Structure formats: structure tokens, C-alpha cells
Amino acid sequence: MTKIIGLTGGIASGKSTVSNLLRQAGIPIVDADQVTRQVQRPGSSALDKLAAAFGNQVIQPDGSLDRAQLGRRVFADTAARQELNQIMQPLIRDAIWQAVETFKKQGVPNVILDVPLLYEQHYDEDCDLVVVVTVSPEPELRRLMARNHYSVAEARARIAAQMPLKEKAARADVVINNDGSPAQTRQQVAQLVEHLQSTR
């Protein structure tokens, strides 16, 4: 029987690093961000719905989604963000569970569900184990500003738009603290992999 391991964290907490380490360990990953990009590909019904809801300015001349433009719209407006989720989340959810079913049919022992909004969208309810990647507020803010070239205000708005990281960590089965060195993060991931392999 395939175990489903939910993986989440805060924005710029290092979740992608942990996800990549788990992939390197040979555990298949269903990545919600990649799924979202597939669902939002040019010509898709999702893109038509986004244009209808937010205007054609969120579509670039080549027909692809202008993520920066859409991001500016929804992160400044709670109602717009809710509308975006109402459009996208059912489509994303269907695609994610189709991918999980494919892995189940292959008989793999573990599948990682890498979902930023794991708790917010209730994916945790269908997971056998939930892993949360945490980082302290200062490094999180600093990394997000450096990675996305945000101002302090923009970065704080993005962080505030998500469930508090402390709350996610409190609900997790496993917490990986990413405040330390890359070697320390790798060690924690290795322990998780060992645990997953020993509980097949």
C-alpha cells in the first residue's frame, strides 16, 4: 500500500530544497507548483477563466499567464485571492490526485505531496504523514526578498497571506528545521527517509 506524505512549509522556508533531497533519495514527488503550471498552460480552460475573472492583462502576448501581474492583484486583495483559489484549486486538486493514483498503480511505497497550501486546502486529511519545513521569521523574510526581489512590505504581505508557520509546525507529524547549515538540513531529511523506509 502506498503511503502519502504531505510536505509543506512557509514561503522561502526551504521546502523546495527538502523536496529535491527527497527526490534524490528516490521518492516520487507530486509537486503542486508544477501541476499548477501544467493546468495553466496556454490555451487551457483555466487560463480562459483567469482572464474572465481578472482581465486580459494577466495573459501575456504569447498566450501564457503573467504570474507577476496576477500575483500583484491577488496578494493585495483578499477577495481576489479567494476568487483565484475558487477557480484554480478544484482543477489543481483533480490533477494532483490523478498523479497520485498513477504512482499507486505502480506500487511505489511512498509518494510525496509537495503542496504549499497543504493545510489551507485540506490535503493533510488524505495524508498518512505530514512534514513541515520551518525557518525563523528573519531568515524567511531575508530569503524571500533576495529570491523574488521584493520590498520588505511585499515580502511581509506574501508571508502574511499564508497560515502562520508556527501553526503548521504544531500540526505536523515531522518538523524539519531549516535554520541551520545545508548539511544539517540534509541530515534531517536522511532521518526522514530512513523512517519512511523502515515503516513500509
Protein backbone atom coordinates (compact mmCIF):
# COMPACT_ATOMS: atom_id res chain seq x y z
CA MET A 1 0.00 0.00 0.00
CA THR A 2 1.32 3.44 -0.99
CA LYS A 3 1.83 5.96 1.81
CA ILE A 4 1.08 9.61 1.05
CA ILE A 5 3.45 12.05 2.75
CA GLY A 6 2.37 15.68 2.73
CA LEU A 7 5.20 18.21 2.51
CA THR A 8 4.64 21.89 3.20
CA GLY A 9 6.22 24.91 4.84
CA GLY A 10 6.27 28.68 4.74
CA ILE A 11 7.17 30.71 1.69
CA ALA A 12 11.01 30.72 1.39
CA SER A 13 11.31 28.23 4.25
CA GLY A 14 13.36 25.80 2.17
CA LYS A 15 10.59 23.37 1.23
CA SER A 16 11.92 23.07 -2.34
CA THR A 17 15.36 22.12 -1.00
CA VAL A 18 13.82 19.37 1.13
CA SER A 19 11.65 18.22 -1.78
CA ASN A 20 14.72 17.95 -4.04
CA LEU A 21 16.59 15.94 -1.40
CA LEU A 22 13.66 13.53 -1.11
CA ARG A 23 13.57 13.21 -4.90
CA GLN A 24 17.30 12.44 -4.91
CA ALA A 25 16.58 9.70 -2.35
CA GLY A 26 14.32 8.08 -4.94
CA ILE A 27 10.92 9.05 -3.55
CA PRO A 28 8.48 10.24 -6.22
CA ILE A 29 7.17 13.79 -5.82
CA VAL A 30 3.85 15.26 -6.89
CA ASP A 31 4.69 18.98 -6.97
CA ALA A 32 1.64 21.27 -6.73
CA ASP A 33 3.53 24.18 -8.31
CA GLN A 34 4.42 22.08 -11.36
CA VAL A 35 0.86 20.75 -11.54
CA THR A 36 -0.44 24.34 -11.40
CA ARG A 37 1.78 25.35 -14.33
CA GLN A 38 0.50 22.39 -16.36
CA VAL A 39 -3.12 23.26 -15.55
CA GLN A 40 -2.44 26.92 -16.51
CA ARG A 41 -0.72 26.18 -19.82
CA PRO A 42 -1.60 28.41 -22.82
CA GLY A 43 -4.96 27.53 -24.34
CA SER A 44 -6.26 25.83 -21.19
CA SER A 45 -9.72 26.37 -19.74
CA ALA A 46 -8.02 27.60 -16.54
CA LEU A 47 -6.40 30.48 -18.43
CA ASP A 48 -9.74 31.42 -20.01
CA LYS A 49 -11.33 31.51 -16.56
CA LEU A 50 -8.48 33.62 -15.12
CA ALA A 51 -8.76 36.12 -17.99
CA ALA A 52 -12.52 36.37 -17.47
CA ALA A 53 -12.09 36.95 -13.74
CA PHE A 54 -9.03 39.22 -13.67
CA GLY A 55 -8.89 40.77 -17.15
CA ASN A 56 -6.79 40.07 -20.24
CA GLN A 57 -3.83 41.93 -18.68
CA VAL A 58 -2.99 38.73 -16.75
CA ILE A 59 -2.33 36.99 -20.10
CA GLN A 60 0.95 37.72 -21.89
CA PRO A 61 1.12 38.33 -25.68
CA ASP A 62 2.36 34.74 -26.23
CA GLY A 63 -0.77 33.40 -24.51
CA SER A 64 0.93 32.37 -21.26
CA LEU A 65 -0.06 33.53 -17.78
CA ASP A 66 1.58 36.70 -16.47
CA ARG A 67 2.22 35.33 -12.97
CA ALA A 68 3.77 38.55 -11.67
CA GLN A 69 0.74 40.59 -12.75
CA LEU A 70 -1.70 38.08 -11.27
CA GLY A 71 0.36 37.88 -8.07
CA ARG A 72 0.23 41.64 -7.59
CA ARG A 73 -3.55 41.57 -8.00
CA VAL A 74 -4.35 38.73 -5.61
CA PHE A 75 -1.87 39.34 -2.81
CA ALA A 76 -3.15 42.88 -2.34
CA ASP A 77 -6.79 41.79 -2.26
CA THR A 78 -8.22 39.01 -0.09
CA ALA A 79 -11.42 38.72 -2.18
CA ALA A 80 -9.37 38.38 -5.39
CA ARG A 81 -7.20 35.72 -3.76
CA GLN A 82 -10.31 33.78 -2.75
CA GLU A 83 -11.64 34.03 -6.30
CA LEU A 84 -8.33 32.76 -7.67
CA ASN A 85 -8.47 29.77 -5.31
CA GLN A 86 -12.09 29.03 -6.26
CA ILE A 87 -11.07 28.89 -9.94
CA MET A 88 -7.79 27.04 -9.61
CA GLN A 89 -7.96 24.73 -6.60
CA PRO A 90 -10.54 22.21 -7.97
CA LEU A 91 -8.51 21.87 -11.20
CA ILE A 92 -5.23 21.51 -9.30
CA ARG A 93 -6.75 19.02 -6.85
CA ASP A 94 -8.02 16.77 -9.67
CA ALA A 95 -4.62 16.79 -11.41
CA ILE A 96 -2.74 16.08 -8.15
CA TRP A 97 -4.87 13.08 -7.23
CA GLN A 98 -4.63 11.71 -10.78
CA ALA A 99 -0.83 11.82 -10.43
CA VAL A 100 -1.01 10.11 -7.02
CA GLU A 101 -3.24 7.37 -8.46
CA THR A 102 -0.69 6.72 -11.21
CA PHE A 103 2.04 6.17 -8.59
CA LYS A 104 -0.28 3.96 -6.53
CA LYS A 105 -0.90 1.75 -9.55
CA GLN A 106 2.88 1.41 -9.94
CA GLY A 107 3.01 0.13 -6.36
CA VAL A 108 5.55 2.66 -5.06
CA PRO A 109 5.83 2.57 -1.23
CA ASN A 110 5.83 6.34 -0.67
CA VAL A 111 4.68 9.43 -2.59
CA ILE A 112 5.50 12.99 -1.51
CA LEU A 113 2.71 15.53 -1.95
CA ASP A 114 4.60 18.85 -2.16
CA VAL A 115 1.83 21.42 -1.60
CA PRO A 116 2.33 24.99 -0.28
CA LEU A 117 -1.35 25.20 0.79
CA LEU A 118 -1.48 21.66 2.20
CA TYR A 119 -3.40 22.64 5.35
CA GLU A 120 -5.33 25.55 3.86
CA GLN A 121 -6.75 23.30 1.12
CA HIS A 122 -7.15 20.27 3.45
CA TYR A 123 -4.81 17.89 1.60
CA ASP A 124 -3.48 16.86 5.02
CA GLU A 125 -6.73 14.97 5.64
CA ASP A 126 -5.71 12.41 2.98
CA CYS A 127 -2.04 12.13 4.04
CA ASP A 128 -0.55 9.35 6.16
CA LEU A 129 2.18 11.69 7.44
CA VAL A 130 2.74 15.46 7.22
CA VAL A 131 6.20 17.05 7.11
CA VAL A 132 6.58 20.80 7.68
CA VAL A 133 9.77 22.71 6.82
CA THR A 134 10.30 25.62 9.19
CA VAL A 135 12.59 28.63 9.35
CA SER A 136 12.77 31.58 11.73
CA PRO A 137 10.98 34.81 10.69
CA GLU A 138 14.10 36.87 9.95
CA PRO A 139 15.80 34.41 7.56
CA GLU A 140 12.42 33.72 5.91
CA LEU A 141 11.91 37.43 5.20
CA ARG A 142 15.51 37.89 4.03
CA ARG A 143 15.44 34.85 1.70
CA LEU A 144 12.10 35.85 0.19
CA MET A 145 13.30 39.39 -0.52
CA ALA A 146 16.52 38.09 -2.10
CA ARG A 147 14.82 35.33 -4.12
CA ASN A 148 11.89 37.36 -5.52
CA HIS A 149 13.37 40.89 -5.36
CA TYR A 150 10.50 42.01 -3.11
CA SER A 151 10.47 45.07 -0.86
CA VAL A 152 10.06 44.43 2.88
CA ALA A 153 6.35 45.32 2.60
CA GLU A 154 5.80 42.97 -0.37
CA ALA A 155 7.61 40.11 1.34
CA ARG A 156 5.68 40.57 4.57
CA ALA A 157 2.38 40.63 2.65
CA ARG A 158 3.26 37.31 0.96
CA ILE A 159 4.16 35.73 4.31
CA ALA A 160 1.02 37.10 5.99
CA ALA A 161 -1.15 35.63 3.21
CA GLN A 162 -0.30 32.09 4.37
CA MET A 163 -1.18 30.17 7.51
CA PRO A 164 1.40 31.05 10.21
CA LEU A 165 4.38 28.70 10.04
CA LYS A 166 4.18 28.06 13.80
CA GLU A 167 0.64 26.77 13.35
CA LYS A 168 1.70 24.46 10.52
CA ALA A 169 4.59 23.12 12.60
CA ALA A 170 2.28 22.50 15.58
CA ARG A 171 0.05 20.30 13.38
CA ALA A 172 2.91 18.41 11.69
CA ASP A 173 3.99 14.81 12.30
CA VAL A 174 7.58 15.69 11.39
CA VAL A 175 9.25 19.12 11.50
CA ILE A 176 12.44 19.86 9.54
CA ASN A 177 14.14 22.99 10.86
CA ASN A 178 15.95 24.82 8.07
CA ASP A 179 17.66 27.48 10.21
CA GLY A 180 20.97 25.63 10.22
CA SER A 181 23.52 24.66 7.58
CA PRO A 182 22.68 22.72 4.40
CA ALA A 183 24.40 19.70 5.99
CA GLN A 184 22.06 19.88 8.99
CA THR A 185 19.03 20.01 6.68
CA ARG A 186 20.36 17.02 4.70
CA GLN A 187 20.80 15.08 7.95
CA GLN A 188 17.19 15.69 8.98
CA VAL A 189 15.96 14.62 5.53
CA ALA A 190 18.12 11.47 5.71
CA GLN A 191 16.49 10.61 9.05
CA LEU A 192 13.05 11.09 7.48
CA VAL A 193 13.95 8.83 4.54
CA GLU A 194 15.24 6.19 6.95
CA HIS A 195 11.98 6.40 8.91
CA LEU A 196 9.87 6.03 5.74
CA GLN A 197 11.92 3.03 4.57
CA SER A 198 11.71 1.32 7.96
CA THR A 199 7.92 1.69 8.19
CA ARG A 200 6.99 0.18 4.82
